[in-house]
C-alpha atoms as a PDB file:
ATOM      1  CA  UNK A   1     -17.829  -1.799  27.077  1.00  0.00           C
ATOM      2  CA  UNK A   2     -18.289  -1.381  23.343  1.00  0.00           C
ATOM      3  CA  UNK A   3     -15.374  -1.852  20.977  1.00  0.00           C
ATOM      4  CA  UNK A   4     -15.640  -1.208  17.236  1.00  0.00           C
ATOM      5  CA  UNK A   5     -13.295  -2.019  14.370  1.00  0.00           C
ATOM      6  CA  UNK A   6     -13.634  -0.647  10.883  1.00  0.00           C
ATOM      7  CA  UNK A   7     -12.423  -2.108   7.607  1.00  0.00           C
ATOM      8  CA  UNK A   8     -10.010   0.204   5.790  1.00  0.00           C
ATOM      9  CA  UNK A   9      -9.002   0.242   2.140  1.00  0.00           C
ATOM     10  CA  UNK A  10      -6.696   2.963   0.917  1.00  0.00           C
ATOM     11  CA  UNK A  11      -3.954   3.829  -1.562  1.00  0.00           C
ATOM     12  CA  UNK A  12      -0.440   4.928  -0.710  1.00  0.00           C
ATOM     13  CA  UNK A  13       0.845   7.189  -3.512  1.00  0.00           C
ATOM     14  CA  UNK A  14       4.635   7.247  -3.944  1.00  0.00           C
ATOM     15  CA  UNK A  15       6.377  10.579  -4.455  1.00  0.00           C
ATOM     16  CA  UNK A  16       9.994   9.367  -4.607  1.00  0.00           C
ATOM     17  CA  UNK A  17      11.700   9.611  -7.993  1.00  0.00           C
ATOM     18  CA  UNK A  18      12.099   5.830  -8.540  1.00  0.00           C
ATOM     19  CA  UNK A  19       8.459   4.969  -7.760  1.00  0.00           C
ATOM     20  CA  UNK A  20       6.889   8.342  -8.617  1.00  0.00           C
ATOM     21  CA  UNK A  21       3.182   7.961  -9.390  1.00  0.00           C
ATOM     22  CA  UNK A  22       3.068   4.292  -8.367  1.00  0.00           C
ATOM     23  CA  UNK A  23       0.626   3.184  -5.673  1.00  0.00           C
ATOM     24  CA  UNK A  24       0.261   0.481  -3.048  1.00  0.00           C
ATOM     25  CA  UNK A  25      -3.248  -0.804  -2.336  1.00  0.00           C
ATOM     26  CA  UNK A  26      -3.623  -1.501   1.394  1.00  0.00           C
ATOM     27  CA  UNK A  27      -6.486  -3.063   3.369  1.00  0.00           C
ATOM     28  CA  UNK A  28      -7.211  -4.246   6.913  1.00  0.00           C
ATOM     29  CA  UNK A  29      -8.991  -3.357  10.142  1.00  0.00           C
ATOM     30  CA  UNK A  30      -8.545  -0.194  12.221  1.00  0.00           C
ATOM     31  CA  UNK A  31      -6.267  -1.589  14.916  1.00  0.00           C
ATOM     32  CA  UNK A  32      -4.132   0.980  16.744  1.00  0.00           C
ATOM     33  CA  UNK A  33      -1.158  -1.381  16.910  1.00  0.00           C
ATOM     34  CA  UNK A  34      -1.606  -3.929  14.174  1.00  0.00           C
ATOM     35  CA  UNK A  35      -0.915  -5.041  10.664  1.00  0.00           C
ATOM     36  CA  UNK A  36      -2.530  -4.341   7.290  1.00  0.00           C
ATOM     37  CA  UNK A  37      -2.141  -6.243   4.027  1.00  0.00           C
ATOM     38  CA  UNK A  38      -0.679  -4.898   0.794  1.00  0.00           C
ATOM     39  CA  UNK A  39      -3.016  -6.435  -1.774  1.00  0.00           C
ATOM     40  CA  UNK A  40      -1.702  -4.895  -4.987  1.00  0.00           C
ATOM     41  CA  UNK A  41      -0.214  -1.866  -6.642  1.00  0.00           C
ATOM     42  CA  UNK A  42       0.154   0.133  -9.830  1.00  0.00           C
ATOM     43  CA  UNK A  43       3.019   1.480 -11.928  1.00  0.00           C
ATOM     44  CA  UNK A  44       6.405   0.150 -10.798  1.00  0.00           C
ATOM     45  CA  UNK A  45       4.663  -1.628  -7.901  1.00  0.00           C
ATOM     46  CA  UNK A  46       2.223  -3.618 -10.060  1.00  0.00           C
ATOM     47  CA  UNK A  47       1.078  -6.796  -8.267  1.00  0.00           C
ATOM     48  CA  UNK A  48       2.844  -5.868  -5.003  1.00  0.00           C
ATOM     49  CA  UNK A  49       2.237  -8.005  -1.892  1.00  0.00           C
ATOM     50  CA  UNK A  50       3.298  -7.494   1.705  1.00  0.00           C
ATOM     51  CA  UNK A  51       2.380  -5.914   5.029  1.00  0.00           C
ATOM     52  CA  UNK A  52       2.190  -2.531   6.730  1.00  0.00           C
ATOM     53  CA  UNK A  53       2.826  -2.600  10.478  1.00  0.00           C
ATOM     54  CA  UNK A  54       1.294   0.254  12.479  1.00  0.00           C
ATOM     55  CA  UNK A  55       2.614   1.264  15.913  1.00  0.00           C
ATOM     56  CA  UNK A  56       1.164   4.145  17.928  1.00  0.00           C
ATOM     57  CA  UNK A  57       3.825   6.665  18.956  1.00  0.00           C
ATOM     58  CA  UNK A  58       1.611   9.129  20.844  1.00  0.00           C
ATOM     59  CA  UNK A  59      -2.029  10.049  21.372  1.00  0.00           C
ATOM     60  CA  UNK A  60      -2.907  13.494  22.730  1.00  0.00           C
ATOM     61  CA  UNK A  61      -6.401  14.949  22.527  1.00  0.00           C
ATOM     62  CA  UNK A  62      -7.591  14.381  18.954  1.00  0.00           C
ATOM     63  CA  UNK A  63      -4.102  13.805  17.558  1.00  0.00           C
ATOM     64  CA  UNK A  64      -2.688  10.314  17.051  1.00  0.00           C
ATOM     65  CA  UNK A  65       0.821   9.837  15.674  1.00  0.00           C
ATOM     66  CA  UNK A  66       1.656   6.387  14.307  1.00  0.00           C
ATOM     67  CA  UNK A  67       4.730   4.811  12.754  1.00  0.00           C
ATOM     68  CA  UNK A  68       4.115   2.786   9.590  1.00  0.00           C
ATOM     69  CA  UNK A  69       6.650   0.150   8.524  1.00  0.00           C
ATOM     70  CA  UNK A  70       5.981  -0.880   4.928  1.00  0.00           C
ATOM     71  CA  UNK A  71       7.315  -4.254   3.791  1.00  0.00           C
ATOM     72  CA  UNK A  72       6.481  -4.821   0.120  1.00  0.00           C
ATOM     73  CA  UNK A  73       7.537  -7.427  -2.422  1.00  0.00           C
ATOM     74  CA  UNK A  74       7.106  -6.836  -6.134  1.00  0.00           C
ATOM     75  CA  UNK A  75       8.575  -8.102  -9.373  1.00  0.00           C
ATOM     76  CA  UNK A  76       9.642  -5.391 -11.822  1.00  0.00           C
ATOM     77  CA  UNK A  77       7.739  -5.790 -15.065  1.00  0.00           C
ATOM     78  CA  UNK A  78       8.882  -4.828 -18.548  1.00  0.00           C
ATOM     79  CA  UNK A  79       6.324  -2.431 -19.951  1.00  0.00           C
ATOM     80  CA  UNK A  80       6.662  -3.050 -23.664  1.00  0.00           C
ATOM     81  CA  UNK A  81       4.385  -1.746 -26.371  1.00  0.00           C
ATOM     82  CA  UNK A  82       2.367  -4.260 -28.327  1.00  0.00           C
ATOM     83  CA  UNK A  83       3.340  -4.143 -31.978  1.00  0.00           C
ATOM     84  CA  UNK A  84       1.010  -4.510 -34.919  1.00  0.00           C
ATOM     85  CA  UNK A  85       0.289  -8.067 -36.043  1.00  0.00           C
ATOM     86  CA  UNK A  86       1.874  -8.576 -39.464  1.00  0.00           C
ATOM     87  CA  UNK A  87      -0.369  -9.224 -42.469  1.00  0.00           C
ATOM     88  CA  UNK A  88      -0.302 -12.792 -43.690  1.00  0.00           C
END
């Protein structure tokens, strides 16, 4: 019996108003029921860490439906503009 796993790296783009345009960067192996790592993010989710747990709900023919539970930790950052250095 041959069993293959693939390494995955993908972005999850947020469409909700609070996190609109922010992303989570996720990586891991292609396990049907398993866990992936959140290794970073952008926008409001800059430097996010956490996990995504994947559970298969159904598999019929070529269609697989999975539930993803996203558990992310991030620290909100103040995005302030850098001002000009005063002349001395």
